[in-house]
Protein backbone atom coordinates (compact mmCIF):
# COMPACT_ATOMS: atom_id res chain seq x y z
CA UNK A 1 143.90 52.51 96.01
CA UNK A 2 141.16 51.17 93.80
CA UNK A 3 141.28 47.55 92.83
CA UNK A 4 140.16 46.53 89.62
CA UNK A 5 138.41 43.33 88.22
CA UNK A 6 141.75 42.58 86.66
CA UNK A 7 143.54 42.63 90.33
CA UNK A 8 140.97 40.88 92.26
CA UNK A 9 140.90 37.95 89.36
CA UNK A 10 144.69 37.85 89.50
CA UNK A 11 145.08 37.39 93.17
CA UNK A 12 142.48 34.66 93.07
CA UNK A 13 144.38 32.77 90.43
CA UNK A 14 147.57 33.20 92.30
CA UNK A 15 146.25 31.85 95.58
CA UNK A 16 144.57 28.61 93.83
CA UNK A 17 148.25 28.17 92.31
CA UNK A 18 150.38 28.62 95.20
CA UNK A 19 148.26 26.15 97.25
CA UNK A 20 149.65 23.24 95.01
CA UNK A 21 153.20 24.42 95.43
CA UNK A 22 155.08 22.71 98.17
CA UNK A 23 158.71 23.50 96.85
CA UNK A 24 160.85 26.06 98.14
CA UNK A 25 161.17 29.26 96.33
CA UNK A 26 164.39 31.71 95.83
CA UNK A 27 164.51 34.91 97.44
CA UNK A 28 166.94 37.95 97.44
CA UNK A 29 167.52 39.27 100.75
CA UNK A 30 168.75 43.08 101.42
CA UNK A 31 170.45 44.45 104.47
CA UNK A 32 168.72 47.82 104.35
CA UNK A 33 165.03 48.89 103.93
CA UNK A 34 164.33 52.64 103.43
CA UNK A 35 160.94 54.87 102.96
CA UNK A 36 161.07 57.63 100.65
CA UNK A 37 158.62 60.27 99.80
CA UNK A 38 156.70 58.46 97.28
CA UNK A 39 158.09 54.64 97.61
CA UNK A 40 159.99 52.61 99.65
CA UNK A 41 163.18 50.56 98.38
CA UNK A 42 166.01 48.59 99.72
CA UNK A 43 169.68 48.71 99.70
CA UNK A 44 172.36 46.41 100.11
CA UNK A 45 171.99 42.96 98.75
CA UNK A 46 173.55 40.01 100.70
CA UNK A 47 177.07 39.44 99.49
CA UNK A 48 177.44 37.04 96.81
CA UNK A 49 173.69 37.78 96.10
CA UNK A 50 172.88 34.63 97.96
CA UNK A 51 169.48 33.24 97.32
CA UNK A 52 167.31 32.23 100.38
CA UNK A 53 164.59 29.65 100.48
CA UNK A 54 162.05 31.79 102.03
CA UNK A 55 161.51 35.63 103.40
CA UNK A 56 161.42 34.13 106.73
CA UNK A 57 165.08 32.67 106.47
CA UNK A 58 166.06 36.46 104.95
CA UNK A 59 164.74 38.29 107.85
CA UNK A 60 165.49 35.70 110.63
CA UNK A 61 169.18 37.09 110.37
CA UNK A 62 170.14 40.57 109.25
CA UNK A 63 167.85 41.07 106.44
CA UNK A 64 165.36 44.02 106.51
CA UNK A 65 163.78 43.45 103.19
CA UNK A 66 163.32 40.76 100.49
CA UNK A 67 162.41 40.49 97.12
CA UNK A 68 161.51 37.45 94.56
CA UNK A 69 163.92 39.02 91.83
CA UNK A 70 166.97 41.37 92.29
CA UNK A 71 165.16 44.66 90.17
CA UNK A 72 166.89 47.82 90.43
CA UNK A 73 165.13 51.19 90.64
CA UNK A 74 167.86 53.71 91.16
CA UNK A 75 171.42 54.19 92.18
CA UNK A 76 171.98 51.10 94.51
CA UNK A 77 167.91 51.15 94.93
CA UNK A 78 165.83 47.86 94.67
CA UNK A 79 162.36 47.01 94.50
CA UNK A 80 161.47 45.12 97.70
CA UNK A 81 159.36 44.19 100.54
CA UNK A 82 159.94 44.83 104.12
CA UNK A 83 160.31 42.35 106.38
CA UNK A 84 157.80 43.99 108.77
CA UNK A 85 155.04 42.44 106.57
CA UNK A 86 156.15 38.75 107.59
CA UNK A 87 153.57 37.67 110.37
CA UNK A 88 154.76 35.01 113.08
CA UNK A 89 153.05 31.68 112.82
CA UNK A 90 153.37 28.16 114.30
CA UNK A 91 152.25 26.51 110.96
CA UNK A 92 154.59 23.80 109.70
CA UNK A 93 157.41 25.54 107.58
CA UNK A 94 155.90 24.01 104.13
CA UNK A 95 152.68 25.94 104.88
CA UNK A 96 154.25 29.05 106.04
CA UNK A 97 156.17 28.83 103.00
CA UNK A 98 153.25 28.78 100.65
CA UNK A 99 151.61 31.68 102.59
CA UNK A 100 154.68 33.72 102.57
CA UNK A 101 154.57 33.36 98.40
CA UNK A 102 151.05 34.16 98.06
CA UNK A 103 151.36 37.31 100.56
CA UNK A 104 154.45 38.34 98.53
CA UNK A 105 152.95 37.55 95.19
CA UNK A 106 149.62 39.56 96.12
CA UNK A 107 151.79 42.54 97.10
CA UNK A 108 153.51 42.45 94.32
CA UNK A 109 150.31 42.59 92.06
CA UNK A 110 148.74 45.15 94.28
CA UNK A 111 151.86 47.41 94.32
CA UNK A 112 153.08 46.69 90.57
CA UNK A 113 153.02 48.59 87.49
CA UNK A 114 149.76 49.57 86.41
CA UNK A 115 149.09 50.62 82.53
CA UNK A 116 146.25 53.04 81.82
CA UNK A 117 142.95 51.98 79.89
CA UNK A 118 140.64 54.30 77.65
CA UNK A 119 136.89 54.71 78.80
CA UNK A 120 134.17 54.89 76.37
CA UNK A 121 134.04 57.58 73.94
CA UNK A 122 131.62 60.54 74.47
CA UNK A 123 129.00 61.83 71.89
CA UNK A 124 129.95 64.08 69.10
CA UNK A 125 129.57 67.99 69.82
CA UNK A 126 127.66 70.28 67.64
CA UNK A 127 129.24 71.27 64.20
CA UNK A 128 131.87 74.14 64.90
CA UNK A 129 130.02 76.59 62.26
CA UNK A 130 126.84 77.22 61.70
CA UNK A 131 127.41 77.48 57.70
CA UNK A 132 129.87 75.91 55.43
CA UNK A 133 132.02 73.03 56.64
CA UNK A 134 133.62 72.43 60.27
CA UNK A 135 134.26 69.64 62.65
CA UNK A 136 132.77 67.73 65.26
CA UNK A 137 134.78 66.50 67.92
CA UNK A 138 134.34 63.56 70.99
CA UNK A 139 136.47 62.84 73.71
CA UNK A 140 137.57 59.84 76.07
CA UNK A 141 139.39 59.47 79.32
CA UNK A 142 142.00 57.39 80.13
CA UNK A 143 140.35 55.90 83.43
CA UNK A 144 139.64 52.29 82.67
CA UNK A 145 142.09 51.77 84.81
CA UNK A 146 143.84 55.12 85.52
CA UNK A 147 147.62 54.78 84.96
CA UNK A 148 149.37 54.26 88.54
CA UNK A 149 152.48 53.33 90.31
CA UNK A 150 154.55 54.36 87.07
CA UNK A 151 152.17 52.51 84.72
CA UNK A 152 152.10 53.77 81.03
CA UNK A 153 149.56 56.14 79.97
CA UNK A 154 146.91 54.92 77.36
CA UNK A 155 148.16 55.15 74.12
CA UNK A 156 146.63 57.27 71.27
CA UNK A 157 144.75 60.30 71.23
CA UNK A 158 141.84 61.19 73.95
CA UNK A 159 140.33 63.38 71.09
CA UNK A 160 138.88 62.34 67.84
CA UNK A 161 137.22 64.77 64.91
CA UNK A 162 135.52 64.55 61.90
CA UNK A 163 134.09 67.04 59.22
CA UNK A 164 130.63 68.18 59.18
CA UNK A 165 128.62 70.55 56.84
CA UNK A 166 125.94 72.71 57.41
CA UNK A 167 123.93 75.04 54.88
CA UNK A 168 126.01 76.97 52.30
CA UNK A 169 127.35 80.33 53.79
CA UNK A 170 126.61 83.58 51.65
CA UNK A 171 129.51 84.38 49.19
CA UNK A 172 129.96 87.80 48.38
CA UNK A 173 130.94 88.89 45.14
CA UNK A 174 134.48 90.31 44.23
CA UNK A 175 135.98 92.16 41.16
CA UNK A 176 137.98 90.86 38.70
CA UNK A 177 140.97 92.81 37.63
CA UNK A 178 140.41 95.50 35.30
CA UNK A 179 140.73 94.49 31.45
CA UNK A 180 142.83 96.24 28.88
CA UNK A 181 141.60 99.80 27.52
CA UNK A 182 140.18 99.35 23.86
CA UNK A 183 141.24 101.53 20.70
CA UNK A 184 140.10 105.18 20.58
CA UNK A 185 136.79 104.77 18.92
CA UNK A 186 137.18 107.92 16.35
CA UNK A 187 139.28 108.46 13.62
CA UNK A 188 139.35 112.58 14.28
CA UNK A 189 138.91 115.03 17.16
CA UNK A 190 138.24 113.58 20.83
CA UNK A 191 136.43 110.25 22.17
CA UNK A 192 136.35 107.93 24.83
CA UNK A 193 138.32 104.72 25.52
CA UNK A 194 136.70 102.09 28.08
CA UNK A 195 137.90 99.23 30.05
CA UNK A 196 135.64 96.85 31.82
CA UNK A 197 135.92 94.43 35.13
CA UNK A 198 133.68 91.58 35.83
CA UNK A 199 131.61 90.47 39.21
CA UNK A 200 133.17 86.77 39.43
CA UNK A 201 136.21 86.73 41.66
CA UNK A 202 134.20 85.38 43.18
CA UNK A 203 130.58 85.59 42.00
CA UNK A 204 127.80 86.14 44.62
CA UNK A 205 126.17 83.30 45.68
CA UNK A 206 123.58 82.06 48.33
CA UNK A 207 122.50 85.65 48.97
CA UNK A 208 125.85 87.14 49.18
CA UNK A 209 126.19 90.98 48.23
CA UNK A 210 126.75 92.24 44.69
CA UNK A 211 130.07 93.91 43.93
CA UNK A 212 130.42 97.54 44.97
CA UNK A 213 131.26 100.12 42.36
CA UNK A 214 131.52 100.71 38.69
CA UNK A 215 131.84 97.94 36.05
CA UNK A 216 133.54 100.23 33.43
CA UNK A 217 135.68 103.20 33.48
CA UNK A 218 136.12 105.77 30.58
CA UNK A 219 139.15 107.62 29.47
CA UNK A 220 139.24 110.89 27.11
CA UNK A 221 141.48 110.03 23.81
CA UNK A 222 142.49 112.21 20.88
CA UNK A 223 142.67 111.05 17.45
CA UNK A 224 145.33 113.49 16.67
CA UNK A 225 143.66 115.53 14.09
CA UNK A 226 140.43 117.87 14.18
CA UNK A 227 137.52 116.63 12.97
CA UNK A 228 135.61 118.79 9.69
CA UNK A 229 132.95 121.09 11.20
CA UNK A 230 130.09 121.91 9.08
CA UNK A 231 129.16 125.43 9.01
CA UNK A 232 125.47 126.55 10.42
CA UNK A 233 123.11 129.44 10.04
CA UNK A 234 122.81 132.49 12.54
CA UNK A 235 119.20 133.72 13.20
CA UNK A 236 117.41 136.13 10.75
CA UNK A 237 118.03 139.79 11.43
CA UNK A 238 115.08 141.82 11.75
CA UNK A 239 113.55 143.35 8.08
CA UNK A 240 115.32 146.68 7.38
CA UNK A 241 113.67 149.63 6.27
CA UNK A 242 111.25 149.98 3.18
CA UNK A 243 113.20 150.66 0.27
CA UNK A 244 110.86 152.73 -1.76
CA UNK A 245 109.70 156.25 -2.48
CA UNK A 246 107.47 158.12 0.15
CA UNK A 247 103.90 156.35 -0.12
CA UNK A 248 105.35 153.90 -2.41
CA UNK A 249 105.90 150.45 -2.66
CA UNK A 250 109.03 148.86 -2.45
CA UNK A 251 111.08 146.09 -0.58
CA UNK A 252 112.65 145.13 2.78
CA UNK A 253 115.55 142.83 3.54
CA UNK A 254 116.41 140.34 6.48
CA UNK A 255 119.71 138.69 6.29
CA UNK A 256 121.74 135.96 8.21
CA UNK A 257 125.47 134.51 8.21
CA UNK A 258 126.99 131.11 8.31
CA UNK A 259 128.55 131.56 11.50
CA UNK A 260 127.08 128.95 13.87
CA UNK A 261 129.62 127.52 13.54
CA UNK A 262 131.55 128.72 11.18
CA UNK A 263 132.67 126.04 8.28
CA UNK A 264 136.20 124.69 9.60
CA UNK A 265 139.10 121.75 8.68
CA UNK A 266 136.98 121.15 5.47
CA UNK A 267 133.14 121.10 6.70
CA UNK A 268 130.65 121.88 4.27
CA UNK A 269 129.32 125.53 4.08
CA UNK A 270 125.69 126.26 5.18
CA UNK A 271 123.08 125.69 2.45
CA UNK A 272 120.46 127.96 1.46
CA UNK A 273 120.26 131.97 0.98
CA UNK A 274 121.80 134.33 3.15
CA UNK A 275 118.81 137.08 2.78
CA UNK A 276 115.15 137.25 2.24
CA UNK A 277 112.85 140.12 0.64
CA UNK A 278 109.24 140.93 1.19
CA UNK A 279 106.86 143.89 -0.15
CA UNK A 280 106.49 147.00 1.55
CA UNK A 281 105.16 150.55 1.64
CA UNK A 282 107.16 153.54 2.55
CA UNK A 283 104.86 155.08 5.23
CA UNK A 284 107.17 157.58 6.61
CA UNK A 285 105.65 161.16 6.29
CA UNK A 286 103.00 159.41 3.99
CA UNK A 287 99.43 160.49 4.79
CA UNK A 288 97.71 157.39 6.01
CA UNK A 289 93.65 157.08 5.66
CA UNK A 290 91.90 155.99 8.76
CA UNK A 291 90.12 152.74 8.71
CA UNK A 292 87.64 151.17 11.22
CA UNK A 293 88.69 148.36 13.63
CA UNK A 294 86.32 145.38 14.14
CA UNK A 295 82.78 146.39 16.25
CA UNK A 296 83.36 145.51 19.76
CA UNK A 297 80.62 143.29 21.81
CA UNK A 298 77.16 144.67 22.53
CA UNK A 299 76.74 146.28 25.75
CA UNK A 300 74.32 145.02 28.33
CA UNK A 301 70.75 145.62 27.75
CA UNK A 302 69.46 148.78 29.85
CA UNK A 303 66.34 147.03 31.07
CA UNK A 304 65.45 143.53 32.14
CA UNK A 305 62.51 143.73 29.82
CA UNK A 306 61.51 144.93 26.32
CA UNK A 307 59.69 148.28 26.36
CA UNK A 308 60.36 151.82 25.83
CA UNK A 309 63.87 152.17 26.77
CA UNK A 310 65.40 148.50 26.30
CA UNK A 311 68.34 149.18 24.15
CA UNK A 312 72.00 147.84 23.64
CA UNK A 313 75.12 149.79 22.23
CA UNK A 314 78.14 148.50 20.39
CA UNK A 315 81.31 150.54 19.19
CA UNK A 316 83.98 150.53 16.86
CA UNK A 317 87.35 152.67 16.50
CA UNK A 318 89.21 154.51 13.52
CA UNK A 319 92.35 153.00 14.62
CA UNK A 320 93.29 150.33 12.18
CA UNK A 321 95.27 152.33 11.05
CA UNK A 322 94.32 155.69 12.56
CA UNK A 323 94.56 158.52 10.09
CA UNK A 324 97.89 160.36 10.17
CA UNK A 325 100.15 162.94 8.03
CA UNK A 326 97.04 164.58 6.84
CA UNK A 327 95.30 161.39 5.87
CA UNK A 328 91.34 160.98 5.57
CA UNK A 329 89.50 159.98 8.39
CA UNK A 330 87.16 156.99 8.70
CA UNK A 331 83.33 157.00 7.16
CA UNK A 332 80.60 155.96 8.79
CA UNK A 333 79.22 155.93 12.52
CA UNK A 334 80.99 154.59 15.52
CA UNK A 335 78.28 153.56 17.33
CA UNK A 336 75.33 151.41 16.91
CA UNK A 337 72.03 151.38 19.12
CA UNK A 338 69.60 148.63 18.83
CA UNK A 339 66.26 147.34 20.67
CA UNK A 340 67.39 144.42 23.37
CA UNK A 341 67.36 140.61 22.31
CA UNK A 342 66.73 137.57 24.42
CA UNK A 343 64.70 139.91 26.83
CA UNK A 344 61.23 139.37 27.64
CA UNK A 345 58.62 141.68 27.16
CA UNK A 346 57.38 144.00 29.92
CA UNK A 347 54.11 143.82 31.65
CA UNK A 348 51.86 146.37 32.96
CA UNK A 349 52.52 148.86 30.18
CA UNK A 350 48.80 149.01 28.81
CA UNK A 351 48.63 152.61 30.40
CA UNK A 352 51.31 153.64 28.08
CA UNK A 353 49.86 152.32 25.11
CA UNK A 354 47.39 153.10 22.47
CA UNK A 355 43.83 151.22 22.73
CA UNK A 356 44.24 147.62 21.37
CA UNK A 357 48.08 147.42 21.60
CA UNK A 358 49.09 144.99 24.20
CA UNK A 359 52.60 145.60 23.85
CA UNK A 360 53.28 141.87 22.83
CA UNK A 361 55.26 141.00 19.53
CA UNK A 362 53.43 139.64 16.83
CA UNK A 363 50.10 141.23 17.65
CA UNK A 364 48.26 144.16 16.26
CA UNK A 365 49.30 147.39 17.43
CA UNK A 366 51.25 150.28 17.61
CA UNK A 367 55.20 149.58 16.81
CA UNK A 368 56.95 151.56 19.72
CA UNK A 369 59.94 151.99 17.08
CA UNK A 370 57.74 153.05 14.30
CA UNK A 371 58.11 149.44 12.33
CA UNK A 372 54.35 149.68 11.54
CA UNK A 373 54.24 146.03 11.42
CA UNK A 374 54.01 145.22 15.20
CA UNK A 375 57.06 142.51 15.17
CA UNK A 376 59.49 142.34 18.23
CA UNK A 377 63.02 140.72 18.62
CA UNK A 378 62.49 137.10 18.44
CA UNK A 379 65.10 134.70 19.75
CA UNK A 380 68.88 135.25 18.85
CA UNK A 381 67.98 137.06 15.34
CA UNK A 382 69.83 140.19 15.79
CA UNK A 383 68.80 141.25 12.33
CA UNK A 384 65.05 141.96 13.58
CA UNK A 385 65.56 144.61 16.39
CA UNK A 386 65.68 148.01 14.24
CA UNK A 387 68.94 149.45 14.73
CA UNK A 388 69.72 153.02 14.84
CA UNK A 389 73.09 154.31 14.03
CA UNK A 390 74.10 157.80 15.93
CA UNK A 391 77.69 159.58 16.00
CA UNK A 392 77.77 159.99 19.50
């Protein structure tokens, strides 16, 4: 058994006090002493509960155990000390008596009821949560001293806690209840009613997620009567035949109808004309005089330089319109031929030219095309070259 400071100090004080006690004490004597599994006890106090002046007097006769007072610990069981603890000695009676007191009292102290005592508190633990509000705890042990021989346990709790707060936890958003449907927004026909809800139960805070889903719902509604429908024009038809005698002028007509859509439920009719007219000529079985179309582009030059055979050709057709039903054809030529323009003069032609003619434009000599002035094409002036019109 571990002795505490309290035990040691108590024994020392008792020994000092008992050294000054010379008077006889009173002891209870028992006839029987027993050893149980856990503790010793005495049975059968002497008749009439006689008190003895010393343990020696009790143990010298029939006594097997003694005690300073009669303390019952069970049915016919009493707390006591065995007589075997007494040591034989030749010291005077008074001395033996004092020593006996000391021994008994020391044994009583060493083997009495020891209540438990709390040790020091531990440090507080970490907060129980990583965000928000939690708890921190600390503990202590009932070991200063440990409760022994039936001593009382330490009063109070072995744990102590207090609140702690870390950073705010993310708060995800939650939808409120749906609001009421609004009134149908139309007075005729069909419309849409709406209702809304808010992301505020709770609001998203500290990085929490927004509410998932729609904040608004729609519902089709009817006003109870159809709305007026205004009329709309259809597309124009093609112009019909020319209303005129053969080869004469007249008119042709196209039309449209107020059917896209038709006016209904008091809607407005279409505004505007149902038909349109335009002038025309009845050409059915009527002779058509031919007319030239525009000239086509000039062909490529027949040579890379101007000379005896550097020519260009363009064409037109009598198809705008073509003569029909005995109509007269176009007057004039369908082809034109001219000297090339924007082409350099040919070199080395002196052997083919008359004496004194170099074949260069602007110089004296013979004009290959019979102009008599020796001029040649210059730049983009298409009027300068002599044009020969032939009917090929």
